[in-house]
Amino acid sequence: MKELAGLHAFAGGNHRTAYATAKSFLLRNGRHIRVKDFLDAYLFVKNIEYRSLDEIQQWIEQGE
C-alpha cells in the first residue's frame, strides 16, 4: 500500500488505488482491514507514505 501510494501512476488516485489493492489482497487471503471510521481511513491512507511499515500493519490489523 505504501509503495503504490508513492508511484504517482494516477493523478489524484494513487492512495485510493493503494487502499483498494490492499483491501482486495487481504480479502483474497481471508483477512480484512478493520476500519471503524471512513474519515479516519481516508486520513490515514492520504498520508500513508509518511507512515512506517509497523504503523501500517497495526492499522490494518486493529483499525487504529
PDB file of N, CA and C in Angstrom:
ATOM      1  N   MET A   1       0.833  -1.170   0.000  1.00  0.00           N
ATOM      2  CA  MET A   1       0.000   0.000   0.000  1.00  0.00           C
ATOM      3  C   MET A   1       0.885   1.243   0.000  1.00  0.00           C
ATOM      4  N   LYS A   2       1.904   1.228   0.817  1.00  0.00           N
ATOM      5  CA  LYS A   2       2.790   2.383   0.913  1.00  0.00           C
ATOM      6  C   LYS A   2       3.497   2.643  -0.414  1.00  0.00           C
ATOM      7  N   GLU A   3       3.996   1.610  -1.045  1.00  0.00           N
ATOM      8  CA  GLU A   3       4.701   1.773  -2.311  1.00  0.00           C
ATOM      9  C   GLU A   3       3.762   2.202  -3.434  1.00  0.00           C
ATOM     10  N   LEU A   4       2.570   1.633  -3.487  1.00  0.00           N
ATOM     11  CA  LEU A   4       1.611   2.020  -4.523  1.00  0.00           C
ATOM     12  C   LEU A   4       1.212   3.483  -4.398  1.00  0.00           C
ATOM     13  N   ALA A   5       1.056   3.953  -3.185  1.00  0.00           N
ATOM     14  CA  ALA A   5       0.648   5.349  -2.976  1.00  0.00           C
ATOM     15  C   ALA A   5       1.708   6.317  -3.487  1.00  0.00           C
ATOM     16  N   GLY A   6       2.958   5.896  -3.480  1.00  0.00           N
ATOM     17  CA  GLY A   6       4.036   6.776  -3.904  1.00  0.00           C
ATOM     18  C   GLY A   6       4.414   6.679  -5.365  1.00  0.00           C
ATOM     19  N   LEU A   7       3.755   5.826  -6.132  1.00  0.00           N
ATOM     20  CA  LEU A   7       4.136   5.623  -7.532  1.00  0.00           C
ATOM     21  C   LEU A   7       3.709   6.746  -8.467  1.00  0.00           C
ATOM     22  N   HIS A   8       2.682   7.464  -8.141  1.00  0.00           N
ATOM     23  CA  HIS A   8       2.167   8.554  -8.967  1.00  0.00           C
ATOM     24  C   HIS A   8       1.701   8.083 -10.340  1.00  0.00           C
ATOM     25  N   ALA A   9       1.123   6.917 -10.386  1.00  0.00           N
ATOM     26  CA  ALA A   9       0.630   6.380 -11.659  1.00  0.00           C
ATOM     27  C   ALA A   9      -0.670   7.046 -12.100  1.00  0.00           C
ATOM     28  N   PHE A  10      -1.499   7.431 -11.141  1.00  0.00           N
ATOM     29  CA  PHE A  10      -2.787   8.041 -11.451  1.00  0.00           C
ATOM     30  C   PHE A  10      -2.881   9.396 -10.762  1.00  0.00           C
ATOM     31  N   ALA A  11      -3.207  10.411 -11.512  1.00  0.00           N
ATOM     32  CA  ALA A  11      -3.334  11.745 -10.920  1.00  0.00           C
ATOM     33  C   ALA A  11      -4.442  11.765  -9.874  1.00  0.00           C
ATOM     34  N   GLY A  12      -4.077  11.941  -8.618  1.00  0.00           N
ATOM     35  CA  GLY A  12      -5.048  12.057  -7.540  1.00  0.00           C
ATOM     36  C   GLY A  12      -5.663  10.755  -7.078  1.00  0.00           C
ATOM     37  N   GLY A  13      -5.303   9.636  -7.684  1.00  0.00           N
ATOM     38  CA  GLY A  13      -5.949   8.387  -7.328  1.00  0.00           C
ATOM     39  C   GLY A  13      -5.025   7.335  -6.749  1.00  0.00           C
ATOM     40  N   ASN A  14      -3.780   7.672  -6.552  1.00  0.00           N
ATOM     41  CA  ASN A  14      -2.816   6.689  -6.060  1.00  0.00           C
ATOM     42  C   ASN A  14      -3.212   6.097  -4.716  1.00  0.00           C
ATOM     43  N   HIS A  15      -3.656   6.930  -3.812  1.00  0.00           N
ATOM     44  CA  HIS A  15      -3.977   6.457  -2.464  1.00  0.00           C
ATOM     45  C   HIS A  15      -5.221   5.571  -2.471  1.00  0.00           C
ATOM     46  N   ARG A  16      -6.214   5.951  -3.236  1.00  0.00           N
ATOM     47  CA  ARG A  16      -7.413   5.111  -3.346  1.00  0.00           C
ATOM     48  C   ARG A  16      -7.077   3.776  -3.998  1.00  0.00           C
ATOM     49  N   THR A  17      -6.230   3.817  -5.025  1.00  0.00           N
ATOM     50  CA  THR A  17      -5.813   2.593  -5.699  1.00  0.00           C
ATOM     51  C   THR A  17      -5.036   1.698  -4.745  1.00  0.00           C
ATOM     52  N   ALA A  18      -4.151   2.277  -3.962  1.00  0.00           N
ATOM     53  CA  ALA A  18      -3.370   1.513  -2.995  1.00  0.00           C
ATOM     54  C   ALA A  18      -4.275   0.873  -1.950  1.00  0.00           C
ATOM     55  N   TYR A  19      -5.241   1.628  -1.457  1.00  0.00           N
ATOM     56  CA  TYR A  19      -6.179   1.103  -0.464  1.00  0.00           C
ATOM     57  C   TYR A  19      -7.001  -0.041  -1.048  1.00  0.00           C
ATOM     58  N   ALA A  20      -7.540   0.167  -2.252  1.00  0.00           N
ATOM     59  CA  ALA A  20      -8.375  -0.859  -2.893  1.00  0.00           C
ATOM     60  C   ALA A  20      -7.564  -2.126  -3.172  1.00  0.00           C
ATOM     61  N   THR A  21      -6.329  -1.963  -3.597  1.00  0.00           N
ATOM     62  CA  THR A  21      -5.469  -3.115  -3.872  1.00  0.00           C
ATOM     63  C   THR A  21      -5.165  -3.884  -2.590  1.00  0.00           C
ATOM     64  N   ALA A  22      -4.824  -3.173  -1.536  1.00  0.00           N
ATOM     65  CA  ALA A  22      -4.531  -3.839  -0.261  1.00  0.00           C
ATOM     66  C   ALA A  22      -5.765  -4.544   0.276  1.00  0.00           C
ATOM     67  N   LYS A  23      -6.906  -3.889   0.186  1.00  0.00           N
ATOM     68  CA  LYS A  23      -8.155  -4.484   0.666  1.00  0.00           C
ATOM     69  C   LYS A  23      -8.487  -5.749  -0.122  1.00  0.00           C
ATOM     70  N   SER A  24      -8.332  -5.695  -1.430  1.00  0.00           N
ATOM     71  CA  SER A  24      -8.594  -6.855  -2.287  1.00  0.00           C
ATOM     72  C   SER A  24      -7.639  -7.998  -1.962  1.00  0.00           C
ATOM     73  N   PHE A  25      -6.364  -7.680  -1.791  1.00  0.00           N
ATOM     74  CA  PHE A  25      -5.367  -8.702  -1.443  1.00  0.00           C
ATOM     75  C   PHE A  25      -5.717  -9.391  -0.130  1.00  0.00           C
ATOM     76  N   LEU A  26      -6.055  -8.597   0.863  1.00  0.00           N
ATOM     77  CA  LEU A  26      -6.394  -9.168   2.168  1.00  0.00           C
ATOM     78  C   LEU A  26      -7.640 -10.047   2.088  1.00  0.00           C
ATOM     79  N   LEU A  27      -8.668  -9.593   1.380  1.00  0.00           N
ATOM     80  CA  LEU A  27      -9.895 -10.383   1.241  1.00  0.00           C
ATOM     81  C   LEU A  27      -9.625 -11.711   0.556  1.00  0.00           C
ATOM     82  N   ARG A  28      -8.791 -11.694  -0.464  1.00  0.00           N
ATOM     83  CA  ARG A  28      -8.452 -12.933  -1.180  1.00  0.00           C
ATOM     84  C   ARG A  28      -7.680 -13.907  -0.294  1.00  0.00           C
ATOM     85  N   ASN A  29      -7.085 -13.383   0.761  1.00  0.00           N
ATOM     86  CA  ASN A  29      -6.308 -14.213   1.675  1.00  0.00           C
ATOM     87  C   ASN A  29      -6.996 -14.396   3.025  1.00  0.00           C
ATOM     88  N   GLY A  30      -8.313 -14.193   3.042  1.00  0.00           N
ATOM     89  CA  GLY A  30      -9.095 -14.457   4.240  1.00  0.00           C
ATOM     90  C   GLY A  30      -8.945 -13.443   5.351  1.00  0.00           C
ATOM     91  N   ARG A  31      -8.468 -12.262   5.045  1.00  0.00           N
ATOM     92  CA  ARG A  31      -8.282 -11.204   6.052  1.00  0.00           C
ATOM     93  C   ARG A  31      -9.036  -9.966   5.605  1.00  0.00           C
ATOM     94  N   HIS A  32      -9.083  -8.961   6.451  1.00  0.00           N
ATOM     95  CA  HIS A  32      -9.691  -7.697   6.072  1.00  0.00           C
ATOM     96  C   HIS A  32      -9.129  -6.561   6.915  1.00  0.00           C
ATOM     97  N   ILE A  33      -9.291  -5.353   6.408  1.00  0.00           N
ATOM     98  CA  ILE A  33      -8.866  -4.162   7.135  1.00  0.00           C
ATOM     99  C   ILE A  33      -9.956  -3.833   8.140  1.00  0.00           C
ATOM    100  N   ARG A  34      -9.586  -3.647   9.377  1.00  0.00           N
ATOM    101  CA  ARG A  34     -10.559  -3.396  10.443  1.00  0.00           C
ATOM    102  C   ARG A  34     -10.748  -1.889  10.649  1.00  0.00           C
ATOM    103  N   VAL A  35     -11.322  -1.240   9.674  1.00  0.00           N
ATOM    104  CA  VAL A  35     -11.549   0.205   9.737  1.00  0.00           C
ATOM    105  C   VAL A  35     -12.915   0.466  10.350  1.00  0.00           C
ATOM    106  N   LYS A  36     -12.939   1.317  11.353  1.00  0.00           N
ATOM    107  CA  LYS A  36     -14.186   1.633  12.038  1.00  0.00           C
ATOM    108  C   LYS A  36     -14.817   2.924  11.514  1.00  0.00           C
ATOM    109  N   ASP A  37     -13.998   3.846  11.053  1.00  0.00           N
ATOM    110  CA  ASP A  37     -14.483   5.157  10.627  1.00  0.00           C
ATOM    111  C   ASP A  37     -13.873   5.495   9.269  1.00  0.00           C
ATOM    112  N   PHE A  38     -14.732   5.735   8.275  1.00  0.00           N
ATOM    113  CA  PHE A  38     -14.248   6.006   6.922  1.00  0.00           C
ATOM    114  C   PHE A  38     -13.359   7.244   6.878  1.00  0.00           C
ATOM    115  N   LEU A  39     -13.701   8.292   7.610  1.00  0.00           N
ATOM    116  CA  LEU A  39     -12.886   9.507   7.606  1.00  0.00           C
ATOM    117  C   LEU A  39     -11.492   9.227   8.153  1.00  0.00           C
ATOM    118  N   ASP A  40     -11.405   8.441   9.224  1.00  0.00           N
ATOM    119  CA  ASP A  40     -10.096   8.062   9.760  1.00  0.00           C
ATOM    120  C   ASP A  40      -9.292   7.280   8.726  1.00  0.00           C
ATOM    121  N   ALA A  41      -9.962   6.377   8.003  1.00  0.00           N
ATOM    122  CA  ALA A  41      -9.288   5.590   6.965  1.00  0.00           C
ATOM    123  C   ALA A  41      -8.768   6.515   5.867  1.00  0.00           C
ATOM    124  N   TYR A  42      -9.591   7.457   5.453  1.00  0.00           N
ATOM    125  CA  TYR A  42      -9.188   8.399   4.408  1.00  0.00           C
ATOM    126  C   TYR A  42      -7.946   9.173   4.840  1.00  0.00           C
ATOM    127  N   LEU A  43      -7.956   9.704   6.040  1.00  0.00           N
ATOM    128  CA  LEU A  43      -6.820  10.492   6.519  1.00  0.00           C
ATOM    129  C   LEU A  43      -5.565   9.643   6.660  1.00  0.00           C
ATOM    130  N   PHE A  44      -5.729   8.396   7.104  1.00  0.00           N
ATOM    131  CA  PHE A  44      -4.581   7.512   7.248  1.00  0.00           C
ATOM    132  C   PHE A  44      -3.969   7.215   5.888  1.00  0.00           C
ATOM    133  N   VAL A  45      -4.808   6.815   4.943  1.00  0.00           N
ATOM    134  CA  VAL A  45      -4.319   6.438   3.615  1.00  0.00           C
ATOM    135  C   VAL A  45      -3.764   7.656   2.875  1.00  0.00           C
ATOM    136  N   LYS A  46      -4.359   8.806   3.082  1.00  0.00           N
ATOM    137  CA  LYS A  46      -3.893  10.030   2.424  1.00  0.00           C
ATOM    138  C   LYS A  46      -2.441  10.336   2.791  1.00  0.00           C
ATOM    139  N   ASN A  47      -2.057  10.005   4.000  1.00  0.00           N
ATOM    140  CA  ASN A  47      -0.698  10.298   4.483  1.00  0.00           C
ATOM    141  C   ASN A  47       0.147   9.038   4.648  1.00  0.00           C
ATOM    142  N   ILE A  48      -0.192   7.990   3.937  1.00  0.00           N
ATOM    143  CA  ILE A  48       0.451   6.696   4.168  1.00  0.00           C
ATOM    144  C   ILE A  48       1.942   6.683   3.834  1.00  0.00           C
ATOM    145  N   GLU A  49       2.369   7.497   2.902  1.00  0.00           N
ATOM    146  CA  GLU A  49       3.793   7.475   2.557  1.00  0.00           C
ATOM    147  C   GLU A  49       4.677   7.987   3.695  1.00  0.00           C
ATOM    148  N   TYR A  50       4.074   8.636   4.681  1.00  0.00           N
ATOM    149  CA  TYR A  50       4.823   9.115   5.845  1.00  0.00           C
ATOM    150  C   TYR A  50       4.753   8.163   7.029  1.00  0.00           C
ATOM    151  N   ARG A  51       4.062   7.052   6.865  1.00  0.00           N
ATOM    152  CA  ARG A  51       3.892   6.062   7.939  1.00  0.00           C
ATOM    153  C   ARG A  51       4.964   4.984   7.841  1.00  0.00           C
ATOM    154  N   SER A  52       5.318   4.414   8.982  1.00  0.00           N
ATOM    155  CA  SER A  52       6.237   3.278   8.977  1.00  0.00           C
ATOM    156  C   SER A  52       5.457   2.011   8.626  1.00  0.00           C
ATOM    157  N   LEU A  53       6.170   0.983   8.228  1.00  0.00           N
ATOM    158  CA  LEU A  53       5.509  -0.285   7.918  1.00  0.00           C
ATOM    159  C   LEU A  53       4.836  -0.869   9.150  1.00  0.00           C
ATOM    160  N   ASP A  54       5.426  -0.657  10.323  1.00  0.00           N
ATOM    161  CA  ASP A  54       4.801  -1.129  11.566  1.00  0.00           C
ATOM    162  C   ASP A  54       3.484  -0.405  11.829  1.00  0.00           C
ATOM    163  N   GLU A  55       3.430   0.903  11.583  1.00  0.00           N
ATOM    164  CA  GLU A  55       2.188   1.662  11.760  1.00  0.00           C
ATOM    165  C   GLU A  55       1.109   1.174  10.798  1.00  0.00           C
ATOM    166  N   ILE A  56       1.509   0.908   9.565  1.00  0.00           N
ATOM    167  CA  ILE A  56       0.552   0.427   8.567  1.00  0.00           C
ATOM    168  C   ILE A  56       0.014  -0.938   8.963  1.00  0.00           C
ATOM    169  N   GLN A  57       0.901  -1.816   9.387  1.00  0.00           N
ATOM    170  CA  GLN A  57       0.468  -3.156   9.813  1.00  0.00           C
ATOM    171  C   GLN A  57      -0.496  -3.070  10.992  1.00  0.00           C
ATOM    172  N   GLN A  58      -0.185  -2.252  11.970  1.00  0.00           N
ATOM    173  CA  GLN A  58      -1.067  -2.091  13.125  1.00  0.00           C
ATOM    174  C   GLN A  58      -2.424  -1.555  12.695  1.00  0.00           C
ATOM    175  N   TRP A  59      -2.432  -0.592  11.793  1.00  0.00           N
ATOM    176  CA  TRP A  59      -3.693  -0.015  11.318  1.00  0.00           C
ATOM    177  C   TRP A  59      -4.528  -1.060  10.595  1.00  0.00           C
ATOM    178  N   ILE A  60      -3.896  -1.866   9.754  1.00  0.00           N
ATOM    179  CA  ILE A  60      -4.621  -2.915   9.038  1.00  0.00           C
ATOM    180  C   ILE A  60      -5.203  -3.928  10.012  1.00  0.00           C
ATOM    181  N   GLU A  61      -4.420  -4.334  10.991  1.00  0.00           N
ATOM    182  CA  GLU A  61      -4.853  -5.378  11.922  1.00  0.00           C
ATOM    183  C   GLU A  61      -5.844  -4.883  12.963  1.00  0.00           C
ATOM    184  N   GLN A  62      -5.707  -3.632  13.405  1.00  0.00           N
ATOM    185  CA  GLN A  62      -6.521  -3.149  14.513  1.00  0.00           C
ATOM    186  C   GLN A  62      -7.467  -2.011  14.137  1.00  0.00           C
ATOM    187  N   GLY A  63      -7.285  -1.418  12.968  1.00  0.00           N
ATOM    188  CA  GLY A  63      -8.130  -0.308  12.547  1.00  0.00           C
ATOM    189  C   GLY A  63      -7.882   0.955  13.331  1.00  0.00           C
ATOM    190  N   GLU A  64      -6.713   1.072  13.922  1.00  0.00           N
ATOM    191  CA  GLU A  64      -6.394   2.247  14.743  1.00  0.00           C
ATOM    192  C   GLU A  64      -5.083   2.848  14.279  1.00  0.00           C
TER     193      GLU A  64
END
